[in-house]
Amino acid sequence: MSPVPEEKTICVVCAWRETCQKKYSFSSSGVMKCPDYTRDLKLPTNNDKTREKKT
C-alpha cells in the first residue's frame, strides 16, 4: 500500500469551516497547523477524481 500524500490544510475544505473562529487567521508564509482541522468528507478528493476517470 502506497503512502497517502499529505494534503494542504486549508480552511476551504475543513469540516468546521462554518463555525470556526480561527478561519483564515493563519499566515500564508508558513505551514498551517490548525489543531481543529478535519477534512470535510462530503467533498471529493483528488483520488476520487482519478478513480472516476479510470472507470
PDB file of N, CA and C in Angstrom:
ATOM      1  N   MET A   1       0.845  -1.178   0.000  1.00  0.00           N
ATOM      2  CA  MET A   1       0.000   0.000   0.000  1.00  0.00           C
ATOM      3  C   MET A   1       0.890   1.240   0.000  1.00  0.00           C
ATOM      4  N   SER A   2       0.669   2.135  -0.937  1.00  0.00           N
ATOM      5  CA  SER A   2       1.497   3.330  -1.032  1.00  0.00           C
ATOM      6  C   SER A   2       1.037   4.378  -0.025  1.00  0.00           C
ATOM      7  N   PRO A   3       1.981   5.169   0.483  1.00  0.00           N
ATOM      8  CA  PRO A   3       1.616   6.213   1.443  1.00  0.00           C
ATOM      9  C   PRO A   3       0.748   7.278   0.781  1.00  0.00           C
ATOM     10  N   VAL A   4      -0.194   7.797   1.543  1.00  0.00           N
ATOM     11  CA  VAL A   4      -1.077   8.843   1.044  1.00  0.00           C
ATOM     12  C   VAL A   4      -0.335  10.166   1.132  1.00  0.00           C
ATOM     13  N   PRO A   5      -0.243  10.908   0.025  1.00  0.00           N
ATOM     14  CA  PRO A   5       0.449  12.198   0.092  1.00  0.00           C
ATOM     15  C   PRO A   5      -0.308  13.151   1.006  1.00  0.00           C
ATOM     16  N   GLU A   6       0.440  13.904   1.783  1.00  0.00           N
ATOM     17  CA  GLU A   6      -0.190  14.825   2.713  1.00  0.00           C
ATOM     18  C   GLU A   6      -0.815  15.982   1.958  1.00  0.00           C
ATOM     19  N   GLU A   7      -2.055  16.247   2.273  1.00  0.00           N
ATOM     20  CA  GLU A   7      -2.798  17.314   1.612  1.00  0.00           C
ATOM     21  C   GLU A   7      -2.622  18.612   2.400  1.00  0.00           C
ATOM     22  N   LYS A   8      -2.682  19.729   1.706  1.00  0.00           N
ATOM     23  CA  LYS A   8      -2.583  21.016   2.386  1.00  0.00           C
ATOM     24  C   LYS A   8      -3.761  21.184   3.329  1.00  0.00           C
ATOM     25  N   THR A   9      -3.493  21.790   4.470  1.00  0.00           N
ATOM     26  CA  THR A   9      -4.527  22.076   5.461  1.00  0.00           C
ATOM     27  C   THR A   9      -5.054  23.478   5.170  1.00  0.00           C
ATOM     28  N   ILE A  10      -6.203  23.554   4.533  1.00  0.00           N
ATOM     29  CA  ILE A  10      -6.764  24.862   4.215  1.00  0.00           C
ATOM     30  C   ILE A  10      -8.206  24.949   4.696  1.00  0.00           C
ATOM     31  N   CYS A  11      -8.598  26.129   5.080  1.00  0.00           N
ATOM     32  CA  CYS A  11      -9.921  26.357   5.667  1.00  0.00           C
ATOM     33  C   CYS A  11     -11.068  25.972   4.732  1.00  0.00           C
ATOM     34  N   VAL A  12     -10.868  26.109   3.442  1.00  0.00           N
ATOM     35  CA  VAL A  12     -11.953  25.905   2.482  1.00  0.00           C
ATOM     36  C   VAL A  12     -12.465  24.463   2.473  1.00  0.00           C
ATOM     37  N   VAL A  13     -11.624  23.506   2.835  1.00  0.00           N
ATOM     38  CA  VAL A  13     -12.047  22.104   2.825  1.00  0.00           C
ATOM     39  C   VAL A  13     -12.212  21.526   4.231  1.00  0.00           C
ATOM     40  N   CYS A  14     -12.155  22.380   5.236  1.00  0.00           N
ATOM     41  CA  CYS A  14     -12.298  21.931   6.621  1.00  0.00           C
ATOM     42  C   CYS A  14     -13.764  21.692   6.966  1.00  0.00           C
ATOM     43  N   ALA A  15     -14.019  20.626   7.701  1.00  0.00           N
ATOM     44  CA  ALA A  15     -15.386  20.297   8.103  1.00  0.00           C
ATOM     45  C   ALA A  15     -15.970  21.340   9.056  1.00  0.00           C
ATOM     46  N   TRP A  16     -15.121  22.073   9.739  1.00  0.00           N
ATOM     47  CA  TRP A  16     -15.567  23.067  10.720  1.00  0.00           C
ATOM     48  C   TRP A  16     -15.611  24.484  10.169  1.00  0.00           C
ATOM     49  N   ARG A  17     -15.500  24.647   8.860  1.00  0.00           N
ATOM     50  CA  ARG A  17     -15.362  25.992   8.278  1.00  0.00           C
ATOM     51  C   ARG A  17     -16.541  26.926   8.570  1.00  0.00           C
ATOM     52  N   GLU A  18     -17.726  26.400   8.780  1.00  0.00           N
ATOM     53  CA  GLU A  18     -18.888  27.269   9.039  1.00  0.00           C
ATOM     54  C   GLU A  18     -18.863  27.899  10.423  1.00  0.00           C
ATOM     55  N   THR A  19     -18.350  27.165  11.409  1.00  0.00           N
ATOM     56  CA  THR A  19     -18.397  27.654  12.788  1.00  0.00           C
ATOM     57  C   THR A  19     -17.027  28.002  13.357  1.00  0.00           C
ATOM     58  N   CYS A  20     -15.994  27.937  12.548  1.00  0.00           N
ATOM     59  CA  CYS A  20     -14.627  28.167  13.021  1.00  0.00           C
ATOM     60  C   CYS A  20     -14.394  29.629  13.387  1.00  0.00           C
ATOM     61  N   GLN A  21     -13.735  29.823  14.534  1.00  0.00           N
ATOM     62  CA  GLN A  21     -13.377  31.176  14.976  1.00  0.00           C
ATOM     63  C   GLN A  21     -11.986  31.576  14.487  1.00  0.00           C
ATOM     64  N   LYS A  22     -11.210  30.605  14.013  1.00  0.00           N
ATOM     65  CA  LYS A  22      -9.839  30.866  13.567  1.00  0.00           C
ATOM     66  C   LYS A  22      -9.750  31.013  12.057  1.00  0.00           C
ATOM     67  N   LYS A  23     -10.863  30.930  11.375  1.00  0.00           N
ATOM     68  CA  LYS A  23     -10.905  30.877   9.918  1.00  0.00           C
ATOM     69  C   LYS A  23     -10.033  31.944   9.267  1.00  0.00           C
ATOM     70  N   TYR A  24      -9.164  31.496   8.388  1.00  0.00           N
ATOM     71  CA  TYR A  24      -8.297  32.366   7.593  1.00  0.00           C
ATOM     72  C   TYR A  24      -7.415  33.290   8.435  1.00  0.00           C
ATOM     73  N   SER A  25      -7.164  32.945   9.683  1.00  0.00           N
ATOM     74  CA  SER A  25      -6.339  33.805  10.528  1.00  0.00           C
ATOM     75  C   SER A  25      -4.876  33.390  10.536  1.00  0.00           C
ATOM     76  N   PHE A  26      -4.498  32.463   9.643  1.00  0.00           N
ATOM     77  CA  PHE A  26      -3.135  31.971   9.596  1.00  0.00           C
ATOM     78  C   PHE A  26      -2.337  32.707   8.537  1.00  0.00           C
ATOM     79  N   SER A  27      -1.043  32.791   8.750  1.00  0.00           N
ATOM     80  CA  SER A  27      -0.145  33.448   7.808  1.00  0.00           C
ATOM     81  C   SER A  27       0.050  32.576   6.576  1.00  0.00           C
ATOM     82  N   SER A  28       0.057  33.179   5.418  1.00  0.00           N
ATOM     83  CA  SER A  28       0.253  32.423   4.183  1.00  0.00           C
ATOM     84  C   SER A  28       1.716  32.060   3.958  1.00  0.00           C
ATOM     85  N   SER A  29       2.606  32.637   4.744  1.00  0.00           N
ATOM     86  CA  SER A  29       4.031  32.387   4.555  1.00  0.00           C
ATOM     87  C   SER A  29       4.501  31.081   5.196  1.00  0.00           C
ATOM     88  N   GLY A  30       3.740  30.552   6.141  1.00  0.00           N
ATOM     89  CA  GLY A  30       4.170  29.342   6.839  1.00  0.00           C
ATOM     90  C   GLY A  30       3.192  28.199   6.657  1.00  0.00           C
ATOM     91  N   VAL A  31       3.575  27.061   7.195  1.00  0.00           N
ATOM     92  CA  VAL A  31       2.720  25.877   7.140  1.00  0.00           C
ATOM     93  C   VAL A  31       1.645  26.016   8.209  1.00  0.00           C
ATOM     94  N   MET A  32       0.414  25.811   7.822  1.00  0.00           N
ATOM     95  CA  MET A  32      -0.701  25.942   8.745  1.00  0.00           C
ATOM     96  C   MET A  32      -0.883  24.647   9.517  1.00  0.00           C
ATOM     97  N   LYS A  33      -0.869  24.719  10.818  1.00  0.00           N
ATOM     98  CA  LYS A  33      -1.083  23.559  11.680  1.00  0.00           C
ATOM     99  C   LYS A  33      -2.253  23.861  12.608  1.00  0.00           C
ATOM    100  N   CYS A  34      -3.455  23.795  12.089  1.00  0.00           N
ATOM    101  CA  CYS A  34      -4.635  24.069  12.901  1.00  0.00           C
ATOM    102  C   CYS A  34      -4.999  22.814  13.695  1.00  0.00           C
ATOM    103  N   PRO A  35      -5.100  22.914  15.013  1.00  0.00           N
ATOM    104  CA  PRO A  35      -5.419  21.737  15.817  1.00  0.00           C
ATOM    105  C   PRO A  35      -6.842  21.230  15.604  1.00  0.00           C
ATOM    106  N   ASP A  36      -7.725  22.061  15.073  1.00  0.00           N
ATOM    107  CA  ASP A  36      -9.114  21.666  14.860  1.00  0.00           C
ATOM    108  C   ASP A  36      -9.388  21.158  13.454  1.00  0.00           C
ATOM    109  N   TYR A  37      -8.393  21.207  12.565  1.00  0.00           N
ATOM    110  CA  TYR A  37      -8.622  20.862  11.160  1.00  0.00           C
ATOM    111  C   TYR A  37      -9.044  19.404  10.986  1.00  0.00           C
ATOM    112  N   THR A  38     -10.132  19.231  10.258  1.00  0.00           N
ATOM    113  CA  THR A  38     -10.599  17.917   9.839  1.00  0.00           C
ATOM    114  C   THR A  38     -11.138  18.092   8.433  1.00  0.00           C
ATOM    115  N   ARG A  39     -10.634  17.303   7.483  1.00  0.00           N
ATOM    116  CA  ARG A  39     -11.087  17.428   6.106  1.00  0.00           C
ATOM    117  C   ARG A  39     -12.553  17.022   6.015  1.00  0.00           C
ATOM    118  N   ASP A  40     -13.336  17.816   5.305  1.00  0.00           N
ATOM    119  CA  ASP A  40     -14.759  17.543   5.116  1.00  0.00           C
ATOM    120  C   ASP A  40     -14.912  16.341   4.187  1.00  0.00           C
ATOM    121  N   LEU A  41     -15.442  15.253   4.705  1.00  0.00           N
ATOM    122  CA  LEU A  41     -15.559  14.018   3.929  1.00  0.00           C
ATOM    123  C   LEU A  41     -16.636  14.093   2.854  1.00  0.00           C
ATOM    124  N   LYS A  42     -17.482  15.122   2.898  1.00  0.00           N
ATOM    125  CA  LYS A  42     -18.512  15.298   1.864  1.00  0.00           C
ATOM    126  C   LYS A  42     -17.912  15.813   0.556  1.00  0.00           C
ATOM    127  N   LEU A  43     -16.729  16.423   0.633  1.00  0.00           N
ATOM    128  CA  LEU A  43     -16.072  16.978  -0.551  1.00  0.00           C
ATOM    129  C   LEU A  43     -15.242  15.908  -1.243  1.00  0.00           C
ATOM    130  N   PRO A  44     -15.225  15.897  -2.569  1.00  0.00           N
ATOM    131  CA  PRO A  44     -14.422  14.897  -3.293  1.00  0.00           C
ATOM    132  C   PRO A  44     -12.927  15.165  -3.117  1.00  0.00           C
ATOM    133  N   THR A  45     -12.151  14.101  -3.188  1.00  0.00           N
ATOM    134  CA  THR A  45     -10.697  14.217  -3.102  1.00  0.00           C
ATOM    135  C   THR A  45     -10.109  14.033  -4.490  1.00  0.00           C
ATOM    136  N   ASN A  46      -8.826  14.300  -4.634  1.00  0.00           N
ATOM    137  CA  ASN A  46      -8.153  14.073  -5.916  1.00  0.00           C
ATOM    138  C   ASN A  46      -8.200  12.600  -6.284  1.00  0.00           C
ATOM    139  N   ASN A  47      -8.134  11.711  -5.300  1.00  0.00           N
ATOM    140  CA  ASN A  47      -8.202  10.275  -5.559  1.00  0.00           C
ATOM    141  C   ASN A  47      -9.551   9.895  -6.153  1.00  0.00           C
ATOM    142  N   ASP A  48     -10.626  10.526  -5.695  1.00  0.00           N
ATOM    143  CA  ASP A  48     -11.959  10.250  -6.231  1.00  0.00           C
ATOM    144  C   ASP A  48     -12.039  10.634  -7.701  1.00  0.00           C
ATOM    145  N   LYS A  49     -11.460  11.770  -8.052  1.00  0.00           N
ATOM    146  CA  LYS A  49     -11.482  12.244  -9.433  1.00  0.00           C
ATOM    147  C   LYS A  49     -10.686  11.308 -10.335  1.00  0.00           C
ATOM    148  N   THR A  50      -9.544  10.836  -9.854  1.00  0.00           N
ATOM    149  CA  THR A  50      -8.703   9.923 -10.619  1.00  0.00           C
ATOM    150  C   THR A  50      -9.423   8.596 -10.817  1.00  0.00           C
ATOM    151  N   ARG A  51     -10.070   8.105  -9.791  1.00  0.00           N
ATOM    152  CA  ARG A  51     -10.800   6.845  -9.869  1.00  0.00           C
ATOM    153  C   ARG A  51     -11.943   6.922 -10.885  1.00  0.00           C
ATOM    154  N   GLU A  52     -12.646   8.070 -10.935  1.00  0.00           N
ATOM    155  CA  GLU A  52     -13.743   8.240 -11.885  1.00  0.00           C
ATOM    156  C   GLU A  52     -13.240   8.200 -13.339  1.00  0.00           C
ATOM    157  N   LYS A  53     -12.064   8.779 -13.585  1.00  0.00           N
ATOM    158  CA  LYS A  53     -11.513   8.803 -14.945  1.00  0.00           C
ATOM    159  C   LYS A  53     -11.128   7.416 -15.421  1.00  0.00           C
ATOM    160  N   LYS A  54     -10.674   6.555 -14.509  1.00  0.00           N
ATOM    161  CA  LYS A  54     -10.244   5.205 -14.873  1.00  0.00           C
ATOM    162  C   LYS A  54     -11.409   4.296 -15.216  1.00  0.00           C
ATOM    163  N   THR A  55     -12.569   4.549 -14.662  1.00  0.00           N
ATOM    164  CA  THR A  55     -13.722   3.660 -14.919  1.00  0.00           C
ATOM    165  C   THR A  55     -14.506   4.053 -16.130  1.00  0.00           C
TER     166      THR A  55
END
